[in-house]
C-alpha atoms as a PDB file:
ATOM      1  CA  MET A   1     -24.671  42.248 -18.773  1.00  0.00           C
ATOM      2  CA  GLY A   2     -25.027  40.655 -15.321  1.00  0.00           C
ATOM      3  CA  GLU A   3     -23.310  37.605 -13.909  1.00  0.00           C
ATOM      4  CA  PRO A   4     -23.500  34.848 -16.537  1.00  0.00           C
ATOM      5  CA  LEU A   5     -25.363  31.647 -15.679  1.00  0.00           C
ATOM      6  CA  ALA A   6     -26.514  32.896 -12.283  1.00  0.00           C
ATOM      7  CA  SER A   7     -28.612  29.792 -11.607  1.00  0.00           C
ATOM      8  CA  TRP A   8     -25.582  27.552 -12.051  1.00  0.00           C
ATOM      9  CA  ASN A   9     -23.324  26.615  -9.165  1.00  0.00           C
ATOM     10  CA  ASP A  10     -19.627  27.404  -9.501  1.00  0.00           C
ATOM     11  CA  GLY A  11     -17.936  24.277 -10.736  1.00  0.00           C
ATOM     12  CA  ALA A  12     -16.367  22.498 -13.679  1.00  0.00           C
ATOM     13  CA  SER A  13     -19.463  22.599 -15.910  1.00  0.00           C
ATOM     14  CA  ARG A  14     -20.130  26.308 -15.523  1.00  0.00           C
ATOM     15  CA  SER A  15     -16.426  27.072 -15.947  1.00  0.00           C
ATOM     16  CA  ALA A  16     -16.225  24.974 -19.125  1.00  0.00           C
ATOM     17  CA  ILE A  17     -19.100  26.916 -20.656  1.00  0.00           C
ATOM     18  CA  VAL A  18     -17.899  30.379 -19.665  1.00  0.00           C
ATOM     19  CA  ASP A  19     -14.290  29.669 -20.631  1.00  0.00           C
ATOM     20  CA  PHE A  20     -15.334  28.347 -24.034  1.00  0.00           C
ATOM     21  CA  VAL A  21     -17.540  31.347 -24.765  1.00  0.00           C
ATOM     22  CA  ASP A  22     -14.781  33.715 -23.656  1.00  0.00           C
ATOM     23  CA  ARG A  23     -12.267  32.045 -25.988  1.00  0.00           C
ATOM     24  CA  VAL A  24     -14.422  31.920 -29.124  1.00  0.00           C
ATOM     25  CA  THR A  25     -15.673  35.509 -28.735  1.00  0.00           C
ATOM     26  CA  ASP A  26     -12.256  37.084 -28.067  1.00  0.00           C
ATOM     27  CA  GLU A  27     -10.818  38.379 -31.358  1.00  0.00           C
ATOM     28  CA  GLY A  28      -7.341  38.218 -29.901  1.00  0.00           C
ATOM     29  CA  ASN A  29      -7.638  34.528 -29.027  1.00  0.00           C
ATOM     30  CA  ALA A  30      -6.459  31.762 -31.350  1.00  0.00           C
ATOM     31  CA  ASP A  31      -9.840  30.058 -30.853  1.00  0.00           C
ATOM     32  CA  PHE A  32     -11.877  33.064 -32.006  1.00  0.00           C
ATOM     33  CA  VAL A  33     -14.908  32.126 -34.099  1.00  0.00           C
ATOM     34  CA  PRO A  34     -16.776  34.790 -36.135  1.00  0.00           C
ATOM     35  CA  PRO A  35     -20.405  35.357 -35.041  1.00  0.00           C
ATOM     36  CA  ALA A  36     -21.810  33.854 -38.236  1.00  0.00           C
ATOM     37  CA  GLU A  37     -20.134  30.550 -37.347  1.00  0.00           C
ATOM     38  CA  ARG A  38     -21.162  30.497 -33.682  1.00  0.00           C
ATOM     39  CA  ILE A  39     -23.830  27.848 -33.959  1.00  0.00           C
ATOM     40  CA  ALA A  40     -25.218  25.890 -31.000  1.00  0.00           C
ATOM     41  CA  VAL A  41     -27.571  22.908 -31.331  1.00  0.00           C
ATOM     42  CA  PHE A  42     -29.719  21.585 -28.497  1.00  0.00           C
ATOM     43  CA  ASP A  43     -31.754  18.455 -28.101  1.00  0.00           C
ATOM     44  CA  ASN A  44     -35.170  19.180 -26.547  1.00  0.00           C
ATOM     45  CA  ASP A  45     -36.651  16.258 -24.561  1.00  0.00           C
ATOM     46  CA  GLY A  46     -34.601  15.763 -21.409  1.00  0.00           C
ATOM     47  CA  THR A  47     -32.230  18.574 -22.395  1.00  0.00           C
ATOM     48  CA  LEU A  48     -34.374  21.712 -22.445  1.00  0.00           C
ATOM     49  CA  TRP A  49     -37.493  20.361 -20.743  1.00  0.00           C
ATOM     50  CA  CYS A  50     -38.654  17.378 -18.725  1.00  0.00           C
ATOM     51  CA  GLU A  51     -39.118  14.025 -20.503  1.00  0.00           C
ATOM     52  CA  LYS A  52     -40.358  11.815 -17.641  1.00  0.00           C
ATOM     53  CA  PRO A  53     -42.463   9.809 -16.957  1.00  0.00           C
ATOM     54  CA  MET A  54     -42.586  10.109 -20.741  1.00  0.00           C
ATOM     55  CA  PRO A  55     -41.805  12.884 -23.236  1.00  0.00           C
ATOM     56  CA  ILE A  56     -44.411  15.644 -23.204  1.00  0.00           C
ATOM     57  CA  GLU A  57     -45.109  15.065 -26.877  1.00  0.00           C
ATOM     58  CA  LEU A  58     -46.181  11.510 -26.109  1.00  0.00           C
ATOM     59  CA  GLY A  59     -48.846  12.939 -23.807  1.00  0.00           C
ATOM     60  CA  PHE A  60     -50.255  14.829 -26.775  1.00  0.00           C
ATOM     61  CA  ILE A  61     -50.116  11.728 -28.938  1.00  0.00           C
ATOM     62  CA  LEU A  62     -51.683   9.658 -26.141  1.00  0.00           C
ATOM     63  CA  GLN A  63     -54.599  12.084 -25.984  1.00  0.00           C
ATOM     64  CA  ARG A  64     -55.245  11.726 -29.714  1.00  0.00           C
ATOM     65  CA  LEU A  65     -54.856   7.920 -29.716  1.00  0.00           C
ATOM     66  CA  ALA A  66     -57.163   7.588 -26.698  1.00  0.00           C
ATOM     67  CA  ALA A  67     -59.810   9.653 -28.489  1.00  0.00           C
ATOM     68  CA  MET A  68     -59.561   7.319 -31.475  1.00  0.00           C
ATOM     69  CA  ALA A  69     -59.910   4.263 -29.200  1.00  0.00           C
ATOM     70  CA  GLU A  70     -62.905   5.860 -27.535  1.00  0.00           C
ATOM     71  CA  GLN A  71     -64.635   6.005 -30.918  1.00  0.00           C
ATOM     72  CA  ASP A  72     -63.455   2.588 -32.145  1.00  0.00           C
ATOM     73  CA  ALA A  73     -63.472  -0.155 -29.467  1.00  0.00           C
ATOM     74  CA  SER A  74     -61.436  -2.519 -31.654  1.00  0.00           C
ATOM     75  CA  LEU A  75     -58.402  -0.258 -31.288  1.00  0.00           C
ATOM     76  CA  ARG A  76     -58.340  -0.818 -27.521  1.00  0.00           C
ATOM     77  CA  GLU A  77     -56.725  -4.226 -28.033  1.00  0.00           C
ATOM     78  CA  ARG A  78     -53.936  -2.895 -30.273  1.00  0.00           C
ATOM     79  CA  GLN A  79     -50.829  -0.933 -29.426  1.00  0.00           C
ATOM     80  CA  PRO A  80     -50.268   1.949 -29.185  1.00  0.00           C
ATOM     81  CA  TRP A  81     -54.008   2.674 -28.798  1.00  0.00           C
ATOM     82  CA  GLN A  82     -54.251   0.208 -25.905  1.00  0.00           C
ATOM     83  CA  ALA A  83     -51.557   2.014 -23.913  1.00  0.00           C
ATOM     84  CA  ALA A  84     -53.145   5.356 -24.693  1.00  0.00           C
ATOM     85  CA  TYR A  85     -56.647   4.242 -23.708  1.00  0.00           C
ATOM     86  CA  ASP A  86     -55.385   2.573 -20.488  1.00  0.00           C
ATOM     87  CA  LYS A  87     -53.044   5.491 -19.708  1.00  0.00           C
ATOM     88  CA  ASP A  88     -50.157   3.030 -19.623  1.00  0.00           C
ATOM     89  CA  TYR A  89     -47.334   5.580 -19.331  1.00  0.00           C
ATOM     90  CA  ALA A  90     -44.841   2.795 -18.568  1.00  0.00           C
ATOM     91  CA  TRP A  91     -45.324   1.215 -21.995  1.00  0.00           C
ATOM     92  CA  LEU A  92     -44.973   4.514 -23.796  1.00  0.00           C
ATOM     93  CA  GLY A  93     -41.951   5.637 -21.787  1.00  0.00           C
ATOM     94  CA  GLY A  94     -40.367   2.209 -22.192  1.00  0.00           C
ATOM     95  CA  VAL A  95     -40.605   2.484 -25.966  1.00  0.00           C
ATOM     96  CA  ILE A  96     -38.298   5.516 -25.896  1.00  0.00           C
ATOM     97  CA  THR A  97     -35.836   3.932 -23.468  1.00  0.00           C
ATOM     98  CA  LYS A  98     -35.644   0.750 -25.533  1.00  0.00           C
ATOM     99  CA  HIS A  99     -35.063   2.848 -28.660  1.00  0.00           C
ATOM    100  CA  TYR A 100     -32.029   4.506 -27.076  1.00  0.00           C
ATOM    101  CA  GLN A 101     -30.784   1.046 -26.118  1.00  0.00           C
ATOM    102  CA  GLY A 102     -31.053  -0.165 -29.711  1.00  0.00           C
ATOM    103  CA  ASP A 103     -34.447  -1.931 -29.674  1.00  0.00           C
ATOM    104  CA  GLU A 104     -36.615  -0.349 -32.393  1.00  0.00           C
ATOM    105  CA  SER A 105     -39.595  -2.723 -32.199  1.00  0.00           C
ATOM    106  CA  GLY A 106     -41.725  -0.518 -29.943  1.00  0.00           C
ATOM    107  CA  VAL A 107     -40.864   2.678 -31.813  1.00  0.00           C
ATOM    108  CA  LYS A 108     -42.043   1.149 -35.089  1.00  0.00           C
ATOM    109  CA  VAL A 109     -45.384   0.270 -33.486  1.00  0.00           C
ATOM    110  CA  LEU A 110     -45.715   3.751 -31.978  1.00  0.00           C
ATOM    111  CA  ILE A 111     -44.814   5.534 -35.210  1.00  0.00           C
ATOM    112  CA  GLY A 112     -47.353   3.436 -37.088  1.00  0.00           C
ATOM    113  CA  GLY A 113     -50.045   4.657 -34.705  1.00  0.00           C
ATOM    114  CA  ILE A 114     -48.913   8.262 -34.935  1.00  0.00           C
ATOM    115  CA  LEU A 115     -49.036   8.192 -38.733  1.00  0.00           C
ATOM    116  CA  GLN A 116     -52.635   7.008 -38.625  1.00  0.00           C
ATOM    117  CA  ALA A 117     -53.569   9.433 -35.844  1.00  0.00           C
ATOM    118  CA  PHE A 118     -52.729  12.600 -37.740  1.00  0.00           C
ATOM    119  CA  ALA A 119     -53.111  11.557 -41.380  1.00  0.00           C
ATOM    120  CA  GLY A 120     -55.309  14.073 -43.199  1.00  0.00           C
ATOM    121  CA  TRP A 121     -54.857  16.827 -40.597  1.00  0.00           C
ATOM    122  CA  THR A 122     -53.700  20.175 -41.897  1.00  0.00           C
ATOM    123  CA  VAL A 123     -50.611  21.689 -40.317  1.00  0.00           C
ATOM    124  CA  ASP A 124     -52.829  24.488 -38.993  1.00  0.00           C
ATOM    125  CA  GLU A 125     -55.136  22.028 -37.231  1.00  0.00           C
ATOM    126  CA  TYR A 126     -52.154  20.249 -35.727  1.00  0.00           C
ATOM    127  CA  GLU A 127     -50.566  23.482 -34.519  1.00  0.00           C
ATOM    128  CA  THR A 128     -53.813  24.600 -32.884  1.00  0.00           C
ATOM    129  CA  ALA A 129     -54.179  21.280 -31.049  1.00  0.00           C
ATOM    130  CA  ALA A 130     -50.525  21.208 -29.958  1.00  0.00           C
ATOM    131  CA  HIS A 131     -50.707  24.808 -28.739  1.00  0.00           C
ATOM    132  CA  ALA A 132     -53.807  24.073 -26.650  1.00  0.00           C
ATOM    133  CA  PHE A 133     -52.256  20.936 -25.160  1.00  0.00           C
ATOM    134  CA  LEU A 134     -49.009  22.655 -24.201  1.00  0.00           C
ATOM    135  CA  HIS A 135     -50.697  25.680 -22.644  1.00  0.00           C
ATOM    136  CA  LYS A 136     -53.485  23.857 -20.811  1.00  0.00           C
ATOM    137  CA  GLY A 137     -52.125  20.393 -20.032  1.00  0.00           C
ATOM    138  CA  GLU A 138     -50.490  19.614 -16.687  1.00  0.00           C
ATOM    139  CA  HIS A 139     -47.567  17.310 -15.968  1.00  0.00           C
ATOM    140  CA  PRO A 140     -48.866  14.131 -14.245  1.00  0.00           C
ATOM    141  CA  THR A 141     -46.489  14.307 -11.252  1.00  0.00           C
ATOM    142  CA  LEU A 142     -44.736  17.682 -11.095  1.00  0.00           C
ATOM    143  CA  GLY A 143     -47.857  19.766 -10.533  1.00  0.00           C
ATOM    144  CA  ARG A 144     -47.016  22.316 -13.206  1.00  0.00           C
ATOM    145  CA  ARG A 145     -48.255  23.025 -16.706  1.00  0.00           C
ATOM    146  CA  PHE A 146     -46.401  21.425 -19.584  1.00  0.00           C
ATOM    147  CA  ASP A 147     -45.244  24.803 -20.857  1.00  0.00           C
ATOM    148  CA  ASP A 148     -43.727  25.438 -17.429  1.00  0.00           C
ATOM    149  CA  CYS A 149     -41.549  22.316 -17.478  1.00  0.00           C
ATOM    150  CA  GLY A 150     -38.559  23.953 -19.163  1.00  0.00           C
ATOM    151  CA  TYR A 151     -35.251  23.832 -17.300  1.00  0.00           C
ATOM    152  CA  ALA A 152     -34.448  27.323 -16.012  1.00  0.00           C
ATOM    153  CA  PRO A 153     -30.630  26.887 -16.184  1.00  0.00           C
ATOM    154  CA  MET A 154     -30.801  25.725 -19.809  1.00  0.00           C
ATOM    155  CA  ILE A 155     -33.071  28.587 -20.805  1.00  0.00           C
ATOM    156  CA  GLU A 156     -30.530  30.854 -19.125  1.00  0.00           C
ATOM    157  CA  LEU A 157     -27.751  29.165 -21.123  1.00  0.00           C
ATOM    158  CA  LEU A 158     -29.617  29.799 -24.383  1.00  0.00           C
ATOM    159  CA  ALA A 159     -29.935  33.497 -23.519  1.00  0.00           C
ATOM    160  CA  TYR A 160     -26.277  33.689 -22.498  1.00  0.00           C
ATOM    161  CA  LEU A 161     -25.144  32.223 -25.808  1.00  0.00           C
ATOM    162  CA  GLU A 162     -27.393  34.549 -27.779  1.00  0.00           C
ATOM    163  CA  GLU A 163     -25.969  37.541 -25.901  1.00  0.00           C
ATOM    164  CA  ASN A 164     -22.533  36.399 -27.069  1.00  0.00           C
ATOM    165  CA  GLY A 165     -23.380  36.210 -30.753  1.00  0.00           C
ATOM    166  CA  PHE A 166     -24.499  32.588 -30.996  1.00  0.00           C
ATOM    167  CA  THR A 167     -27.425  31.355 -33.048  1.00  0.00           C
ATOM    168  CA  ASN A 168     -29.298  28.579 -31.233  1.00  0.00           C
ATOM    169  CA  TYR A 169     -31.082  25.701 -32.939  1.00  0.00           C
ATOM    170  CA  ILE A 170     -33.109  22.786 -31.644  1.00  0.00           C
ATOM    171  CA  ALA A 171     -32.261  19.408 -33.190  1.00  0.00           C
ATOM    172  CA  SER A 172     -34.617  16.916 -31.580  1.00  0.00           C
ATOM    173  CA  GLY A 173     -35.998  13.456 -32.147  1.00  0.00           C
ATOM    174  CA  GLY A 174     -39.340  14.979 -31.168  1.00  0.00           C
ATOM    175  CA  ASP A 175     -41.859  16.156 -33.710  1.00  0.00           C
ATOM    176  CA  ARG A 176     -40.867  19.455 -35.291  1.00  0.00           C
ATOM    177  CA  ASP A 177     -44.407  20.773 -35.559  1.00  0.00           C
ATOM    178  CA  PHE A 178     -45.248  19.907 -31.961  1.00  0.00           C
ATOM    179  CA  MET A 179     -42.331  21.985 -30.665  1.00  0.00           C
ATOM    180  CA  ARG A 180     -42.733  25.003 -32.903  1.00  0.00           C
ATOM    181  CA  PRO A 181     -45.775  26.572 -31.150  1.00  0.00           C
ATOM    182  CA  VAL A 182     -43.765  27.190 -27.957  1.00  0.00           C
ATOM    183  CA  THR A 183     -40.051  27.401 -28.774  1.00  0.00           C
ATOM    184  CA  GLN A 184     -40.044  31.163 -29.322  1.00  0.00           C
ATOM    185  CA  ARG A 185     -41.741  31.915 -26.023  1.00  0.00           C
ATOM    186  CA  LEU A 186     -39.942  29.289 -23.940  1.00  0.00           C
ATOM    187  CA  TYR A 187     -36.461  29.420 -25.434  1.00  0.00           C
ATOM    188  CA  GLY A 188     -36.268  32.440 -27.705  1.00  0.00           C
ATOM    189  CA  ILE A 189     -35.839  30.082 -30.673  1.00  0.00           C
ATOM    190  CA  PRO A 190     -38.070  30.902 -33.674  1.00  0.00           C
ATOM    191  CA  PRO A 191     -39.857  28.065 -35.515  1.00  0.00           C
ATOM    192  CA  GLU A 192     -37.533  28.185 -38.514  1.00  0.00           C
ATOM    193  CA  ARG A 193     -34.685  27.112 -36.231  1.00  0.00           C
ATOM    194  CA  VAL A 194     -36.446  23.962 -35.016  1.00  0.00           C
ATOM    195  CA  ILE A 195     -35.183  20.731 -36.569  1.00  0.00           C
ATOM    196  CA  GLY A 196     -37.103  17.577 -35.680  1.00  0.00           C
ATOM    197  CA  SER A 197     -38.886  14.460 -36.817  1.00  0.00           C
ATOM    198  CA  SER A 198     -41.810  14.836 -39.202  1.00  0.00           C
ATOM    199  CA  ASN A 199     -44.469  13.055 -41.179  1.00  0.00           C
ATOM    200  CA  ALA A 200     -44.631  13.448 -44.947  1.00  0.00           C
ATOM    201  CA  LEU A 201     -46.598  16.453 -46.170  1.00  0.00           C
ATOM    202  CA  ARG A 202     -48.531  17.301 -49.320  1.00  0.00           C
ATOM    203  CA  TYR A 203     -50.226  20.372 -50.735  1.00  0.00           C
ATOM    204  CA  GLN A 204     -54.013  20.233 -51.007  1.00  0.00           C
ATOM    205  CA  GLU A 205     -56.006  22.770 -52.965  1.00  0.00           C
ATOM    206  CA  ASP A 206     -58.976  24.406 -51.253  1.00  0.00           C
ATOM    207  CA  ASP A 207     -60.916  27.658 -51.344  1.00  0.00           C
ATOM    208  CA  GLN A 208     -58.637  29.187 -48.717  1.00  0.00           C
ATOM    209  CA  GLY A 209     -55.530  29.294 -50.904  1.00  0.00           C
ATOM    210  CA  GLY A 210     -54.500  25.698 -50.294  1.00  0.00           C
ATOM    211  CA  SER A 211     -53.420  23.737 -47.230  1.00  0.00           C
ATOM    212  CA  ILE A 212     -50.466  21.615 -46.158  1.00  0.00           C
ATOM    213  CA  VAL A 213     -51.704  18.188 -45.045  1.00  0.00           C
ATOM    214  CA  TYR A 214     -50.049  15.299 -43.191  1.00  0.00           C
ATOM    215  CA  GLU A 215     -49.835  11.993 -45.034  1.00  0.00           C
ATOM    216  CA  GLU A 216     -49.888   8.520 -43.496  1.00  0.00           C
ATOM    217  CA  THR A 217     -46.211   8.007 -44.294  1.00  0.00           C
ATOM    218  CA  PRO A 218     -43.075   9.072 -42.410  1.00  0.00           C
ATOM    219  CA  ASP A 219     -40.670  11.712 -43.650  1.00  0.00           C
ATOM    220  CA  VAL A 220     -37.707  11.591 -41.250  1.00  0.00           C
ATOM    221  CA  PHE A 221     -36.917  10.397 -37.728  1.00  0.00           C
ATOM    222  CA  ASP A 222     -34.393  12.949 -36.494  1.00  0.00           C
ATOM    223  CA  ASP A 223     -32.288  10.899 -34.094  1.00  0.00           C
ATOM    224  CA  GLY A 224     -28.865   9.284 -33.794  1.00  0.00           C
ATOM    225  CA  PRO A 225     -26.687   9.626 -36.921  1.00  0.00           C
ATOM    226  CA  VAL A 226     -29.548  11.357 -38.737  1.00  0.00           C
ATOM    227  CA  LYS A 227     -29.146  14.430 -36.517  1.00  0.00           C
ATOM    228  CA  PRO A 228     -25.823  15.645 -37.979  1.00  0.00           C
ATOM    229  CA  VAL A 229     -27.181  15.132 -41.505  1.00  0.00           C
ATOM    230  CA  ARG A 230     -30.301  17.150 -40.746  1.00  0.00           C
ATOM    231  CA  ILE A 231     -28.291  19.862 -38.995  1.00  0.00           C
ATOM    232  CA  TRP A 232     -25.994  20.256 -41.980  1.00  0.00           C
ATOM    233  CA  SER A 233     -28.910  20.209 -44.402  1.00  0.00           C
ATOM    234  CA  ARG A 234     -30.737  22.968 -42.517  1.00  0.00           C
ATOM    235  CA  ILE A 235     -27.839  25.128 -41.353  1.00  0.00           C
ATOM    236  CA  GLY A 236     -25.261  24.568 -44.060  1.00  0.00           C
ATOM    237  CA  GLY A 237     -22.476  24.420 -41.493  1.00  0.00           C
ATOM    238  CA  ARG A 238     -21.130  22.620 -38.463  1.00  0.00           C
ATOM    239  CA  PRO A 239     -22.130  23.748 -34.948  1.00  0.00           C
ATOM    240  CA  ILE A 240     -19.447  24.476 -32.379  1.00  0.00           C
ATOM    241  CA  ILE A 241     -21.666  23.644 -29.385  1.00  0.00           C
ATOM    242  CA  GLY A 242     -23.758  20.490 -29.055  1.00  0.00           C
ATOM    243  CA  VAL A 243     -26.005  19.801 -26.070  1.00  0.00           C
ATOM    244  CA  GLY A 244     -27.953  16.611 -25.362  1.00  0.00           C
ATOM    245  CA  ASN A 245     -28.804  14.022 -22.742  1.00  0.00           C
ATOM    246  CA  SER A 246     -29.167  10.597 -24.360  1.00  0.00           C
ATOM    247  CA  ASN A 247     -27.591   8.033 -26.653  1.00  0.00           C
ATOM    248  CA  GLY A 248     -29.597   9.553 -29.499  1.00  0.00           C
ATOM    249  CA  ASP A 249     -27.601  12.763 -29.128  1.00  0.00           C
ATOM    250  CA  SER A 250     -24.102  11.263 -29.230  1.00  0.00           C
ATOM    251  CA  HIS A 251     -23.562  11.746 -32.963  1.00  0.00           C
ATOM    252  CA  MET A 252     -24.742  15.358 -32.745  1.00  0.00           C
ATOM    253  CA  LEU A 253     -22.314  16.080 -29.917  1.00  0.00           C
ATOM    254  CA  GLN A 254     -19.487  14.354 -31.741  1.00  0.00           C
ATOM    255  CA  PHE A 255     -20.241  16.474 -34.809  1.00  0.00           C
ATOM    256  CA  ALA A 256     -19.788  19.751 -32.922  1.00  0.00           C
ATOM    257  CA  GLY A 257     -16.562  21.617 -33.597  1.00  0.00           C
ATOM    258  CA  GLY A 258     -14.621  19.683 -36.193  1.00  0.00           C
ATOM    259  CA  GLU A 259     -11.640  21.825 -37.168  1.00  0.00           C
ATOM    260  CA  LYS A 260     -13.032  24.658 -35.030  1.00  0.00           C
ATOM    261  CA  PRO A 261     -13.148  24.664 -31.225  1.00  0.00           C
ATOM    262  CA  GLY A 262     -16.007  22.535 -29.944  1.00  0.00           C
ATOM    263  CA  LEU A 263     -17.957  22.241 -26.695  1.00  0.00           C
ATOM    264  CA  ARG A 264     -20.013  19.117 -26.033  1.00  0.00           C
ATOM    265  CA  LEU A 265     -22.433  19.175 -23.098  1.00  0.00           C
ATOM    266  CA  LEU A 266     -24.366  16.197 -21.742  1.00  0.00           C
ATOM    267  CA  VAL A 267     -27.152  16.698 -19.189  1.00  0.00           C
ATOM    268  CA  LEU A 268     -27.142  14.038 -16.445  1.00  0.00           C
ATOM    269  CA  HIS A 269     -30.471  13.371 -14.736  1.00  0.00           C
ATOM    270  CA  ASP A 270     -29.290  12.647 -11.208  1.00  0.00           C
ATOM    271  CA  ASP A 271     -31.753  14.725  -9.171  1.00  0.00           C
ATOM    272  CA  GLY A 272     -34.612  12.530  -8.038  1.00  0.00           C
ATOM    273  CA  ASP A 273     -35.791  15.133  -5.532  1.00  0.00           C
ATOM    274  CA  ARG A 274     -36.305  18.090  -7.868  1.00  0.00           C
ATOM    275  CA  GLU A 275     -36.829  16.189 -11.131  1.00  0.00           C
ATOM    276  CA  PHE A 276     -36.076  12.520 -11.945  1.00  0.00           C
ATOM    277  CA  ALA A 277     -32.997  10.328 -11.546  1.00  0.00           C
ATOM    278  CA  TYR A 278     -32.214   8.004 -14.466  1.00  0.00           C
ATOM    279  CA  THR A 279     -29.482   6.980 -16.858  1.00  0.00           C
ATOM    280  CA  ALA A 280     -31.425   4.399 -18.919  1.00  0.00           C
ATOM    281  CA  GLY A 281     -31.036   5.339 -22.552  1.00  0.00           C
ATOM    282  CA  ALA A 282     -27.937   7.426 -21.842  1.00  0.00           C
ATOM    283  CA  GLU A 283     -25.411   4.671 -21.054  1.00  0.00           C
ATOM    284  CA  ASP A 284     -23.449   4.956 -24.305  1.00  0.00           C
ATOM    285  CA  SER A 285     -23.364   8.756 -24.272  1.00  0.00           C
ATOM    286  CA  LEU A 286     -22.119   8.825 -20.671  1.00  0.00           C
ATOM    287  CA  GLU A 287     -19.367   6.392 -21.567  1.00  0.00           C
ATOM    288  CA  ARG A 288     -18.469   8.509 -24.570  1.00  0.00           C
ATOM    289  CA  ALA A 289     -18.389  11.613 -22.370  1.00  0.00           C
ATOM    290  CA  GLU A 290     -15.864   9.973 -20.091  1.00  0.00           C
ATOM    291  CA  THR A 291     -13.584   8.689 -22.829  1.00  0.00           C
ATOM    292  CA  ASP A 292     -13.743  11.808 -25.035  1.00  0.00           C
ATOM    293  CA  GLY A 293     -13.789  14.490 -22.343  1.00  0.00           C
ATOM    294  CA  TRP A 294     -17.277  15.862 -22.872  1.00  0.00           C
ATOM    295  CA  THR A 295     -18.663  18.091 -20.143  1.00  0.00           C
ATOM    296  CA  VAL A 296     -21.318  16.334 -18.055  1.00  0.00           C
ATOM    297  CA  ILE A 297     -23.858  18.662 -16.426  1.00  0.00           C
ATOM    298  CA  SER A 298     -25.129  17.303 -13.127  1.00  0.00           C
ATOM    299  CA  MET A 299     -28.644  18.560 -12.462  1.00  0.00           C
ATOM    300  CA  LYS A 300     -28.111  17.851  -8.756  1.00  0.00           C
ATOM    301  CA  ASP A 301     -24.725  19.518  -8.345  1.00  0.00           C
ATOM    302  CA  ASP A 302     -24.566  22.155 -11.082  1.00  0.00           C
ATOM    303  CA  TRP A 303     -28.008  23.780 -10.908  1.00  0.00           C
ATOM    304  CA  THR A 304     -29.280  25.920  -8.045  1.00  0.00           C
ATOM    305  CA  THR A 305     -32.810  25.388  -9.412  1.00  0.00           C
ATOM    306  CA  VAL A 306     -34.342  23.124 -12.032  1.00  0.00           C
ATOM    307  CA  PHE A 307     -37.559  24.858 -13.037  1.00  0.00           C
ATOM    308  CA  ALA A 308     -38.448  28.512 -13.156  1.00  0.00           C
ATOM    309  CA  HIS A 309     -40.914  29.689 -10.487  1.00  0.00           C
ATOM    310  CA  GLY A 310     -39.836  27.086  -7.937  1.00  0.00           C
END
């Protein structure tokens, strides 16, 4: 095994990670944790890949909503179809920021549009469309494909943890079925270890053995205090590492550890040259990090690179 976290600068964040892993994997240490209990949970948007000028998933949704507005002119005067048709990224990105600041009005409007947009689609149709978008679409400002917008140091961290007996999960507010087509290739995380938001599903009989179809009703919005509940429901245990970047991740980070040793990592977007600089939607989590001693990862100071391949 080579030098761990080679794309991380020497500093407090890298040391906190390496020291924690050393302690919980050393059978002679009082903090030793058996491999079966070495669980790490990661947020996705803004933690494992870029979420500005808006989350990548919203680009996929925008594409679908714009197509609907193209066919039905009346939708062009209603949100979220209006923002999609006009390519109003500011409105869409603002909805997420306001959500993390406690204003749910825009999210309710957006979710209502999403439910209509994909109602009646089979999960296979959705996966095919998401896969094509992720592998062919290009980020509007970074000049790279969406599936090349993962953070190299975080992908390296996932591999490092796996090499030390950890099982990594994604616990994201993003749509579960949008992430699943790429998580294995990008992160080494198989689809069954992706926890996320979802629409309600139903079984529909057909001559192909039946299909799973999206309904026009929500199932779960995996954010805030819902994240620990969903993690426990899926994993049946408490993670010892939690990694996020926004107010919506605070409960997940707090949940990490419990009676076991715990490491809580918060990604700070402070690199406007290589990525984006912003703290909107992360104010509460940054305050919690300071008061509770969470490790804050500075993209500017802690990472030698942000994206793979330059």
